[in-house]
Amino acid sequence: MDLEQRVADLERRLAALEQAAELTAEPPDGRPAPSAARDRRDDLWALHGLKEQLAELGADNGGVLFAGAVRTPTGKRYEWQYGLVTDTVLDRDWADAAESFAALGQPVRLRLLREILGGRCTAAELTELDGTGTTGQIYHHLRQLTAAGWLHTAARGRYEVPVSRVVPLLVMLTAAER
């Protein structure tokens, strides 16, 4: 199979995985999705849905999917999903993820992300926090998080966690608990 065919196949598989996640996501109004209500007794309802989609795709080695529908302390809602077949994940150069993981590997940076999601969005607000260091140290941490894509600057010097990073950040924190 040539490269163009493989890419087209992977795009088709990813689209199917995304569609499967949409079927199990909670609607914005807070009501359970029909499939979630139907399978409420089954703790692995999302996994079963993923496995069905993977079987239809012929993805013999399986796949991974993560999704979330969250509301931050500021009241912002984020709904996001992403999935890949296993072969795609295993074939990637994992070293490419090192910078992203390294940016999160410092307690002050994790606290800054939590505070920004909680509504403290300017460097001035963040420097008022106890235990986060000097203004220069905070700017250093903010630059590292921005360079790794965990933050971006919005209007008037305000920092935000990009929409596409909120759920992945929470997934990584959840995975770190195990």
N, C-alpha and C. Protein backbone atom coordinates (compact mmCIF):
# COMPACT_ATOMS: atom_id res chain seq x y z
N MET A 1 0.86 -1.17 0.00
CA MET A 1 0.00 0.00 0.00
C MET A 1 0.91 1.23 0.00
N ASP A 2 0.68 2.18 -0.91
CA ASP A 2 1.53 3.36 -0.97
C ASP A 2 1.11 4.36 0.11
N LEU A 3 1.95 5.37 0.28
CA LEU A 3 1.76 6.36 1.35
C LEU A 3 0.42 7.08 1.23
N GLU A 4 0.02 7.48 0.03
CA GLU A 4 -1.25 8.18 -0.14
C GLU A 4 -2.43 7.31 0.27
N GLN A 5 -2.37 6.04 -0.06
CA GLN A 5 -3.45 5.12 0.32
C GLN A 5 -3.49 4.94 1.83
N ARG A 6 -2.31 4.83 2.46
CA ARG A 6 -2.27 4.68 3.92
C ARG A 6 -2.84 5.91 4.61
N VAL A 7 -2.47 7.11 4.14
CA VAL A 7 -2.99 8.34 4.73
C VAL A 7 -4.49 8.42 4.56
N ALA A 8 -4.99 8.11 3.38
CA ALA A 8 -6.43 8.13 3.13
C ALA A 8 -7.15 7.14 4.04
N ASP A 9 -6.56 5.95 4.22
CA ASP A 9 -7.14 4.94 5.09
C ASP A 9 -7.17 5.42 6.53
N LEU A 10 -6.08 6.01 6.98
CA LEU A 10 -6.02 6.53 8.36
C LEU A 10 -7.01 7.66 8.57
N GLU A 11 -7.16 8.54 7.59
CA GLU A 11 -8.14 9.62 7.70
C GLU A 11 -9.55 9.06 7.81
N ARG A 12 -9.85 8.03 7.03
CA ARG A 12 -11.17 7.40 7.08
C ARG A 12 -11.40 6.78 8.45
N ARG A 13 -10.38 6.10 8.97
CA ARG A 13 -10.51 5.47 10.28
C ARG A 13 -10.68 6.50 11.38
N LEU A 14 -9.91 7.59 11.31
CA LEU A 14 -10.03 8.64 12.31
C LEU A 14 -11.42 9.26 12.28
N ALA A 15 -11.95 9.50 11.11
CA ALA A 15 -13.30 10.06 10.99
C ALA A 15 -14.32 9.13 11.65
N ALA A 16 -14.16 7.84 11.47
CA ALA A 16 -15.08 6.89 12.08
C ALA A 16 -14.94 6.89 13.59
N LEU A 17 -13.71 6.99 14.09
CA LEU A 17 -13.51 7.06 15.53
C LEU A 17 -14.14 8.33 16.11
N GLU A 18 -13.97 9.44 15.41
CA GLU A 18 -14.57 10.69 15.87
C GLU A 18 -16.09 10.58 15.87
N GLN A 19 -16.63 9.92 14.86
CA GLN A 19 -18.08 9.73 14.81
C GLN A 19 -18.54 8.87 15.98
N ALA A 20 -17.77 7.85 16.32
CA ALA A 20 -18.13 7.00 17.46
C ALA A 20 -18.13 7.80 18.75
N ALA A 21 -17.16 8.68 18.90
CA ALA A 21 -17.10 9.49 20.11
C ALA A 21 -18.28 10.45 20.18
N GLU A 22 -18.70 11.00 19.04
CA GLU A 22 -19.85 11.89 19.02
C GLU A 22 -21.10 11.17 19.49
N LEU A 23 -21.21 9.90 19.17
CA LEU A 23 -22.39 9.13 19.57
C LEU A 23 -22.46 8.94 21.07
N THR A 24 -21.32 8.98 21.76
CA THR A 24 -21.32 8.74 23.21
C THR A 24 -21.09 10.00 24.02
N ALA A 25 -20.89 11.16 23.37
CA ALA A 25 -20.65 12.40 24.11
C ALA A 25 -21.95 12.92 24.73
N GLU A 26 -21.82 13.64 25.84
CA GLU A 26 -22.96 14.24 26.50
C GLU A 26 -23.36 15.51 25.76
N PRO A 27 -24.63 15.69 25.44
CA PRO A 27 -25.07 16.90 24.76
C PRO A 27 -24.81 18.14 25.62
N PRO A 28 -24.70 19.34 25.00
CA PRO A 28 -24.41 20.55 25.75
C PRO A 28 -25.45 20.89 26.82
N ASP A 29 -26.70 20.43 26.67
CA ASP A 29 -27.72 20.79 27.65
C ASP A 29 -27.64 19.94 28.92
N GLY A 30 -26.68 19.04 29.01
CA GLY A 30 -26.47 18.27 30.22
C GLY A 30 -27.22 16.95 30.29
N ARG A 31 -28.15 16.72 29.37
CA ARG A 31 -28.88 15.44 29.36
C ARG A 31 -27.96 14.34 28.85
N PRO A 32 -28.09 13.13 29.37
CA PRO A 32 -27.26 12.05 28.85
C PRO A 32 -27.58 11.77 27.38
N ALA A 33 -26.57 11.40 26.63
CA ALA A 33 -26.78 11.00 25.24
C ALA A 33 -27.62 9.74 25.24
N PRO A 34 -28.42 9.52 24.20
CA PRO A 34 -29.27 8.33 24.16
C PRO A 34 -28.51 7.03 24.41
N SER A 35 -27.33 6.89 23.81
CA SER A 35 -26.57 5.66 24.01
C SER A 35 -26.08 5.54 25.44
N ALA A 36 -25.76 6.67 26.08
CA ALA A 36 -25.32 6.64 27.47
C ALA A 36 -26.47 6.24 28.38
N ALA A 37 -27.67 6.77 28.11
CA ALA A 37 -28.82 6.41 28.94
C ALA A 37 -29.15 4.94 28.78
N ARG A 38 -29.07 4.44 27.55
CA ARG A 38 -29.41 3.06 27.27
C ARG A 38 -28.43 2.10 27.96
N ASP A 39 -27.15 2.48 28.01
CA ASP A 39 -26.13 1.58 28.56
C ASP A 39 -25.62 2.03 29.92
N ARG A 40 -26.40 2.78 30.65
CA ARG A 40 -25.96 3.34 31.93
C ARG A 40 -25.44 2.27 32.89
N ARG A 41 -25.99 1.07 32.85
CA ARG A 41 -25.55 0.01 33.75
C ARG A 41 -24.20 -0.56 33.37
N ASP A 42 -23.77 -0.29 32.16
CA ASP A 42 -22.51 -0.82 31.66
C ASP A 42 -21.41 0.21 31.85
N ASP A 43 -20.50 -0.04 32.78
CA ASP A 43 -19.42 0.91 33.06
C ASP A 43 -18.48 1.09 31.87
N LEU A 44 -18.48 0.19 30.93
CA LEU A 44 -17.57 0.24 29.79
C LEU A 44 -18.30 0.59 28.49
N TRP A 45 -19.37 1.37 28.56
CA TRP A 45 -20.16 1.68 27.38
C TRP A 45 -19.33 2.38 26.31
N ALA A 46 -18.44 3.28 26.68
CA ALA A 46 -17.62 3.97 25.68
C ALA A 46 -16.65 3.00 25.02
N LEU A 47 -16.07 2.12 25.81
CA LEU A 47 -15.15 1.13 25.26
C LEU A 47 -15.85 0.20 24.28
N HIS A 48 -17.05 -0.23 24.63
CA HIS A 48 -17.80 -1.10 23.72
C HIS A 48 -18.10 -0.39 22.41
N GLY A 49 -18.48 0.88 22.48
CA GLY A 49 -18.73 1.65 21.27
C GLY A 49 -17.48 1.80 20.42
N LEU A 50 -16.35 2.04 21.06
CA LEU A 50 -15.09 2.15 20.33
C LEU A 50 -14.74 0.84 19.65
N LYS A 51 -14.90 -0.26 20.37
CA LYS A 51 -14.57 -1.56 19.80
C LYS A 51 -15.45 -1.90 18.60
N GLU A 52 -16.71 -1.51 18.66
CA GLU A 52 -17.60 -1.73 17.52
C GLU A 52 -17.12 -0.95 16.31
N GLN A 53 -16.76 0.31 16.52
CA GLN A 53 -16.27 1.14 15.42
C GLN A 53 -14.97 0.59 14.84
N LEU A 54 -14.07 0.16 15.72
CA LEU A 54 -12.80 -0.40 15.25
C LEU A 54 -13.01 -1.67 14.45
N ALA A 55 -13.97 -2.49 14.88
CA ALA A 55 -14.26 -3.72 14.15
C ALA A 55 -14.78 -3.40 12.75
N GLU A 56 -15.63 -2.37 12.65
CA GLU A 56 -16.15 -1.97 11.33
C GLU A 56 -15.03 -1.47 10.43
N LEU A 57 -14.01 -0.86 11.03
CA LEU A 57 -12.88 -0.34 10.26
C LEU A 57 -11.86 -1.42 9.92
N GLY A 58 -11.98 -2.55 10.59
CA GLY A 58 -10.98 -3.60 10.40
C GLY A 58 -9.67 -3.27 11.08
N ALA A 59 -9.72 -2.46 12.12
CA ALA A 59 -8.52 -2.08 12.86
C ALA A 59 -8.21 -3.19 13.86
N ASP A 60 -7.51 -4.21 13.39
CA ASP A 60 -7.26 -5.40 14.20
C ASP A 60 -6.44 -5.12 15.46
N ASN A 61 -5.58 -4.12 15.41
CA ASN A 61 -4.74 -3.82 16.57
C ASN A 61 -5.38 -2.83 17.52
N GLY A 62 -6.62 -2.46 17.27
CA GLY A 62 -7.35 -1.59 18.18
C GLY A 62 -7.07 -0.12 17.95
N GLY A 63 -7.42 0.66 18.95
CA GLY A 63 -7.24 2.10 18.85
C GLY A 63 -7.44 2.74 20.20
N VAL A 64 -7.16 4.02 20.25
CA VAL A 64 -7.35 4.79 21.47
C VAL A 64 -8.27 5.97 21.15
N LEU A 65 -9.03 6.36 22.14
CA LEU A 65 -9.96 7.46 22.01
C LEU A 65 -10.02 8.18 23.33
N PHE A 66 -9.94 9.50 23.30
CA PHE A 66 -10.23 10.23 24.52
C PHE A 66 -11.12 11.40 24.18
N ALA A 67 -12.00 11.69 25.10
CA ALA A 67 -12.99 12.73 24.87
C ALA A 67 -13.39 13.31 26.21
N GLY A 68 -13.96 14.48 26.17
CA GLY A 68 -14.44 15.08 27.39
C GLY A 68 -15.42 16.20 27.11
N ALA A 69 -16.32 16.39 28.04
CA ALA A 69 -17.25 17.51 28.05
C ALA A 69 -17.13 18.10 29.44
N VAL A 70 -16.43 19.22 29.56
CA VAL A 70 -16.12 19.78 30.88
C VAL A 70 -16.57 21.23 30.97
N ARG A 71 -16.76 21.67 32.19
CA ARG A 71 -17.04 23.08 32.49
C ARG A 71 -15.98 23.50 33.51
N THR A 72 -15.26 24.57 33.20
CA THR A 72 -14.21 25.06 34.10
C THR A 72 -14.84 25.91 35.21
N PRO A 73 -14.07 26.25 36.25
CA PRO A 73 -14.60 27.10 37.32
C PRO A 73 -15.11 28.45 36.82
N THR A 74 -14.63 28.92 35.67
CA THR A 74 -15.10 30.19 35.11
C THR A 74 -16.41 30.04 34.35
N GLY A 75 -16.89 28.80 34.21
CA GLY A 75 -18.14 28.55 33.51
C GLY A 75 -17.98 28.23 32.04
N LYS A 76 -16.77 28.26 31.53
CA LYS A 76 -16.57 27.91 30.12
C LYS A 76 -16.75 26.42 29.93
N ARG A 77 -17.40 26.06 28.81
CA ARG A 77 -17.60 24.65 28.48
C ARG A 77 -16.68 24.27 27.34
N TYR A 78 -16.12 23.08 27.45
CA TYR A 78 -15.26 22.54 26.41
C TYR A 78 -15.71 21.12 26.10
N GLU A 79 -15.90 20.85 24.83
CA GLU A 79 -16.22 19.50 24.39
C GLU A 79 -15.22 19.15 23.30
N TRP A 80 -14.57 18.02 23.47
CA TRP A 80 -13.47 17.70 22.56
C TRP A 80 -13.27 16.20 22.53
N GLN A 81 -12.79 15.71 21.39
CA GLN A 81 -12.50 14.28 21.26
C GLN A 81 -11.39 14.08 20.25
N TYR A 82 -10.72 12.96 20.40
CA TYR A 82 -9.65 12.62 19.48
C TYR A 82 -9.42 11.12 19.56
N GLY A 83 -9.18 10.50 18.42
CA GLY A 83 -8.92 9.07 18.40
C GLY A 83 -7.97 8.69 17.29
N LEU A 84 -7.24 7.64 17.51
CA LEU A 84 -6.31 7.11 16.51
C LEU A 84 -6.28 5.59 16.61
N VAL A 85 -5.99 4.96 15.49
CA VAL A 85 -5.78 3.52 15.54
C VAL A 85 -4.41 3.27 16.16
N THR A 86 -4.26 2.13 16.81
CA THR A 86 -3.05 1.79 17.54
C THR A 86 -1.79 1.87 16.69
N ASP A 87 -1.86 1.35 15.48
CA ASP A 87 -0.68 1.35 14.62
C ASP A 87 -0.14 2.76 14.40
N THR A 88 -1.03 3.72 14.25
CA THR A 88 -0.61 5.11 14.04
C THR A 88 0.16 5.62 15.25
N VAL A 89 -0.35 5.34 16.43
CA VAL A 89 0.32 5.80 17.65
C VAL A 89 1.68 5.11 17.81
N LEU A 90 1.72 3.82 17.58
CA LEU A 90 2.97 3.08 17.75
C LEU A 90 4.01 3.44 16.70
N ASP A 91 3.57 3.84 15.52
CA ASP A 91 4.51 4.16 14.44
C ASP A 91 5.10 5.57 14.55
N ARG A 92 4.53 6.42 15.36
CA ARG A 92 5.03 7.79 15.51
C ARG A 92 6.34 7.80 16.27
N ASP A 93 7.08 8.88 16.11
CA ASP A 93 8.30 9.10 16.89
C ASP A 93 7.89 9.69 18.24
N TRP A 94 7.94 8.89 19.27
CA TRP A 94 7.49 9.33 20.59
C TRP A 94 8.35 10.45 21.15
N ALA A 95 9.57 10.58 20.68
CA ALA A 95 10.44 11.66 21.15
C ALA A 95 9.83 13.03 20.83
N ASP A 96 8.98 13.08 19.82
CA ASP A 96 8.33 14.35 19.47
C ASP A 96 7.43 14.86 20.61
N ALA A 97 7.01 13.99 21.50
CA ALA A 97 6.13 14.39 22.61
C ALA A 97 6.92 14.88 23.82
N ALA A 98 8.22 14.75 23.81
CA ALA A 98 9.03 15.06 24.99
C ALA A 98 8.87 16.51 25.45
N GLU A 99 8.88 17.47 24.52
CA GLU A 99 8.76 18.87 24.91
C GLU A 99 7.43 19.15 25.60
N SER A 100 6.37 18.55 25.08
CA SER A 100 5.05 18.75 25.67
C SER A 100 4.99 18.17 27.08
N PHE A 101 5.52 16.95 27.25
CA PHE A 101 5.54 16.35 28.58
C PHE A 101 6.45 17.12 29.52
N ALA A 102 7.60 17.56 29.03
CA ALA A 102 8.55 18.30 29.86
C ALA A 102 7.93 19.59 30.38
N ALA A 103 7.16 20.26 29.55
CA ALA A 103 6.53 21.51 29.98
C ALA A 103 5.58 21.27 31.14
N LEU A 104 4.98 20.10 31.19
CA LEU A 104 4.05 19.79 32.29
C LEU A 104 4.75 19.17 33.49
N GLY A 105 6.03 18.89 33.36
CA GLY A 105 6.75 18.18 34.41
C GLY A 105 7.28 19.06 35.52
N GLN A 106 6.68 20.19 35.75
CA GLN A 106 7.13 21.12 36.79
C GLN A 106 5.89 21.56 37.58
N PRO A 107 5.88 21.38 38.90
CA PRO A 107 4.68 21.69 39.70
C PRO A 107 4.17 23.11 39.55
N VAL A 108 5.05 24.09 39.45
CA VAL A 108 4.59 25.48 39.31
C VAL A 108 3.84 25.66 38.00
N ARG A 109 4.30 25.02 36.93
CA ARG A 109 3.63 25.14 35.64
C ARG A 109 2.23 24.52 35.69
N LEU A 110 2.11 23.39 36.36
CA LEU A 110 0.79 22.78 36.50
C LEU A 110 -0.14 23.70 37.30
N ARG A 111 0.41 24.31 38.33
CA ARG A 111 -0.41 25.23 39.12
C ARG A 111 -0.84 26.43 38.28
N LEU A 112 0.08 26.96 37.47
CA LEU A 112 -0.26 28.09 36.61
C LEU A 112 -1.38 27.71 35.65
N LEU A 113 -1.32 26.53 35.06
CA LEU A 113 -2.38 26.08 34.17
C LEU A 113 -3.71 25.99 34.92
N ARG A 114 -3.69 25.43 36.12
CA ARG A 114 -4.92 25.32 36.91
C ARG A 114 -5.49 26.71 37.22
N GLU A 115 -4.61 27.63 37.60
CA GLU A 115 -5.06 28.99 37.92
C GLU A 115 -5.62 29.69 36.69
N ILE A 116 -5.01 29.50 35.54
CA ILE A 116 -5.49 30.12 34.31
C ILE A 116 -6.86 29.55 33.93
N LEU A 117 -7.02 28.24 34.05
CA LEU A 117 -8.35 27.65 33.81
C LEU A 117 -9.37 28.16 34.82
N GLY A 118 -8.89 28.52 36.01
CA GLY A 118 -9.78 29.03 37.05
C GLY A 118 -10.08 30.51 36.95
N GLY A 119 -9.45 31.21 36.01
CA GLY A 119 -9.80 32.61 35.80
C GLY A 119 -8.69 33.62 36.02
N ARG A 120 -7.58 33.20 36.63
CA ARG A 120 -6.44 34.12 36.76
C ARG A 120 -5.66 34.04 35.45
N CYS A 121 -5.77 35.06 34.64
CA CYS A 121 -5.27 34.95 33.27
C CYS A 121 -4.11 35.88 32.93
N THR A 122 -3.76 36.81 33.80
CA THR A 122 -2.67 37.73 33.48
C THR A 122 -1.45 37.40 34.34
N ALA A 123 -0.30 37.81 33.86
CA ALA A 123 0.93 37.59 34.62
C ALA A 123 0.84 38.30 35.96
N ALA A 124 0.23 39.47 36.00
CA ALA A 124 0.09 40.21 37.26
C ALA A 124 -0.73 39.41 38.28
N GLU A 125 -1.82 38.81 37.83
CA GLU A 125 -2.63 37.99 38.73
C GLU A 125 -1.86 36.76 39.20
N LEU A 126 -1.07 36.18 38.32
CA LEU A 126 -0.32 34.97 38.66
C LEU A 126 0.83 35.27 39.61
N THR A 127 1.42 36.45 39.52
CA THR A 127 2.53 36.80 40.43
C THR A 127 2.04 37.03 41.85
N GLU A 128 0.76 37.26 42.03
CA GLU A 128 0.19 37.44 43.37
C GLU A 128 0.06 36.13 44.14
N LEU A 129 0.19 35.02 43.47
CA LEU A 129 0.03 33.71 44.12
C LEU A 129 1.25 33.39 44.96
N ASP A 130 1.03 32.82 46.11
CA ASP A 130 2.14 32.37 46.95
C ASP A 130 2.77 31.12 46.36
N GLY A 131 4.10 31.05 46.45
CA GLY A 131 4.81 29.83 46.07
C GLY A 131 5.04 29.64 44.59
N THR A 132 4.79 30.66 43.78
CA THR A 132 5.00 30.49 42.34
C THR A 132 6.30 31.12 41.87
N GLY A 133 6.99 31.82 42.72
CA GLY A 133 8.28 32.40 42.35
C GLY A 133 8.19 33.87 42.01
N THR A 134 9.29 34.37 41.49
CA THR A 134 9.38 35.78 41.13
C THR A 134 8.66 36.03 39.81
N THR A 135 8.50 37.29 39.49
CA THR A 135 7.89 37.66 38.22
C THR A 135 8.67 37.06 37.06
N GLY A 136 9.99 37.13 37.11
CA GLY A 136 10.83 36.56 36.06
C GLY A 136 10.64 35.06 35.93
N GLN A 137 10.54 34.37 37.07
CA GLN A 137 10.34 32.92 37.04
C GLN A 137 8.98 32.57 36.45
N ILE A 138 7.96 33.36 36.79
CA ILE A 138 6.62 33.09 36.26
C ILE A 138 6.62 33.29 34.75
N TYR A 139 7.25 34.37 34.28
CA TYR A 139 7.32 34.58 32.83
C TYR A 139 8.08 33.45 32.15
N HIS A 140 9.11 32.93 32.79
CA HIS A 140 9.85 31.79 32.23
C HIS A 140 8.92 30.59 32.07
N HIS A 141 8.15 30.29 33.12
CA HIS A 141 7.21 29.16 33.06
C HIS A 141 6.14 29.39 31.99
N LEU A 142 5.63 30.61 31.91
CA LEU A 142 4.61 30.91 30.90
C LEU A 142 5.18 30.75 29.48
N ARG A 143 6.42 31.14 29.29
CA ARG A 143 7.05 30.96 27.97
C ARG A 143 7.20 29.48 27.64
N GLN A 144 7.59 28.67 28.63
CA GLN A 144 7.74 27.23 28.38
C GLN A 144 6.40 26.60 28.03
N LEU A 145 5.36 26.96 28.75
CA LEU A 145 4.03 26.41 28.47
C LEU A 145 3.51 26.87 27.11
N THR A 146 3.80 28.11 26.76
CA THR A 146 3.38 28.64 25.46
C THR A 146 4.14 27.95 24.33
N ALA A 147 5.44 27.78 24.49
CA ALA A 147 6.26 27.13 23.45
C ALA A 147 5.80 25.69 23.20
N ALA A 148 5.34 25.02 24.25
CA ALA A 148 4.89 23.63 24.11
C ALA A 148 3.42 23.54 23.69
N GLY A 149 2.75 24.68 23.54
CA GLY A 149 1.36 24.69 23.07
C GLY A 149 0.31 24.55 24.15
N TRP A 150 0.71 24.55 25.41
CA TRP A 150 -0.27 24.43 26.50
C TRP A 150 -0.93 25.76 26.82
N LEU A 151 -0.36 26.86 26.37
CA LEU A 151 -0.93 28.19 26.55
C LEU A 151 -0.80 28.97 25.26
N HIS A 152 -1.62 29.99 25.14
CA HIS A 152 -1.39 31.02 24.14
C HIS A 152 -1.84 32.34 24.74
N THR A 153 -1.34 33.42 24.17
CA THR A 153 -1.71 34.73 24.69
C THR A 153 -2.92 35.24 23.94
N ALA A 154 -3.84 35.76 24.71
CA ALA A 154 -5.04 36.36 24.14
C ALA A 154 -4.87 37.89 24.21
N ALA A 155 -5.91 38.61 23.98
CA ALA A 155 -5.85 40.08 23.99
C ALA A 155 -5.39 40.61 25.34
N ARG A 156 -4.64 41.71 25.28
CA ARG A 156 -4.19 42.46 26.46
C ARG A 156 -3.42 41.63 27.47
N GLY A 157 -2.51 40.79 27.00
CA GLY A 157 -1.63 40.06 27.90
C GLY A 157 -2.30 38.98 28.72
N ARG A 158 -3.42 38.52 28.29
CA ARG A 158 -4.12 37.45 28.99
C ARG A 158 -3.70 36.11 28.40
N TYR A 159 -3.52 35.14 29.27
CA TYR A 159 -3.14 33.81 28.84
C TYR A 159 -4.37 32.92 28.87
N GLU A 160 -4.42 31.98 27.92
CA GLU A 160 -5.50 31.00 27.85
C GLU A 160 -4.93 29.64 27.53
N VAL A 161 -5.60 28.61 28.04
CA VAL A 161 -5.31 27.25 27.59
C VAL A 161 -6.10 27.08 26.30
N PRO A 162 -5.43 26.75 25.18
CA PRO A 162 -6.17 26.59 23.92
C PRO A 162 -7.30 25.55 24.06
N VAL A 163 -8.37 25.80 23.36
CA VAL A 163 -9.54 24.91 23.42
C VAL A 163 -9.13 23.46 23.17
N SER A 164 -8.26 23.25 22.19
CA SER A 164 -7.86 21.88 21.84
C SER A 164 -6.93 21.25 22.88
N ARG A 165 -6.56 21.98 23.93
CA ARG A 165 -5.67 21.43 24.95
C ARG A 165 -6.34 21.23 26.30
N VAL A 166 -7.54 21.75 26.50
CA VAL A 166 -8.20 21.65 27.81
C VAL A 166 -8.48 20.19 28.16
N VAL A 167 -9.21 19.49 27.30
CA VAL A 167 -9.54 18.09 27.59
C VAL A 167 -8.28 17.22 27.62
N PRO A 168 -7.35 17.34 26.66
CA PRO A 168 -6.13 16.54 26.77
C PRO A 168 -5.35 16.78 28.08
N LEU A 169 -5.31 18.02 28.54
CA LEU A 169 -4.64 18.31 29.81
C LEU A 169 -5.32 17.56 30.95
N LEU A 170 -6.64 17.61 30.99
CA LEU A 170 -7.38 16.91 32.05
C LEU A 170 -7.24 15.40 31.92
N VAL A 171 -7.17 14.90 30.68
CA VAL A 171 -6.95 13.46 30.48
C VAL A 171 -5.59 13.06 31.03
N MET A 172 -4.56 13.85 30.71
CA MET A 172 -3.21 13.52 31.19
C MET A 172 -3.13 13.55 32.71
N LEU A 173 -3.78 14.52 33.32
CA LEU A 173 -3.80 14.58 34.79
C LEU A 173 -4.54 13.39 35.37
N THR A 174 -5.63 13.00 34.73
CA THR A 174 -6.37 11.83 35.18
C THR A 174 -5.54 10.57 35.02
N ALA A 175 -4.85 10.44 33.90
CA ALA A 175 -4.01 9.26 33.67
C ALA A 175 -2.86 9.19 34.66
N ALA A 176 -2.35 10.32 35.10
CA ALA A 176 -1.23 10.36 36.03
C ALA A 176 -1.61 9.83 37.42
N GLU A 177 -2.90 9.79 37.71
CA GLU A 177 -3.37 9.30 39.02
C GLU A 177 -3.29 7.80 39.14
N ARG A 178 -3.16 7.08 38.05
CA ARG A 178 -3.21 5.62 38.11
C ARG A 178 -1.88 5.03 38.30
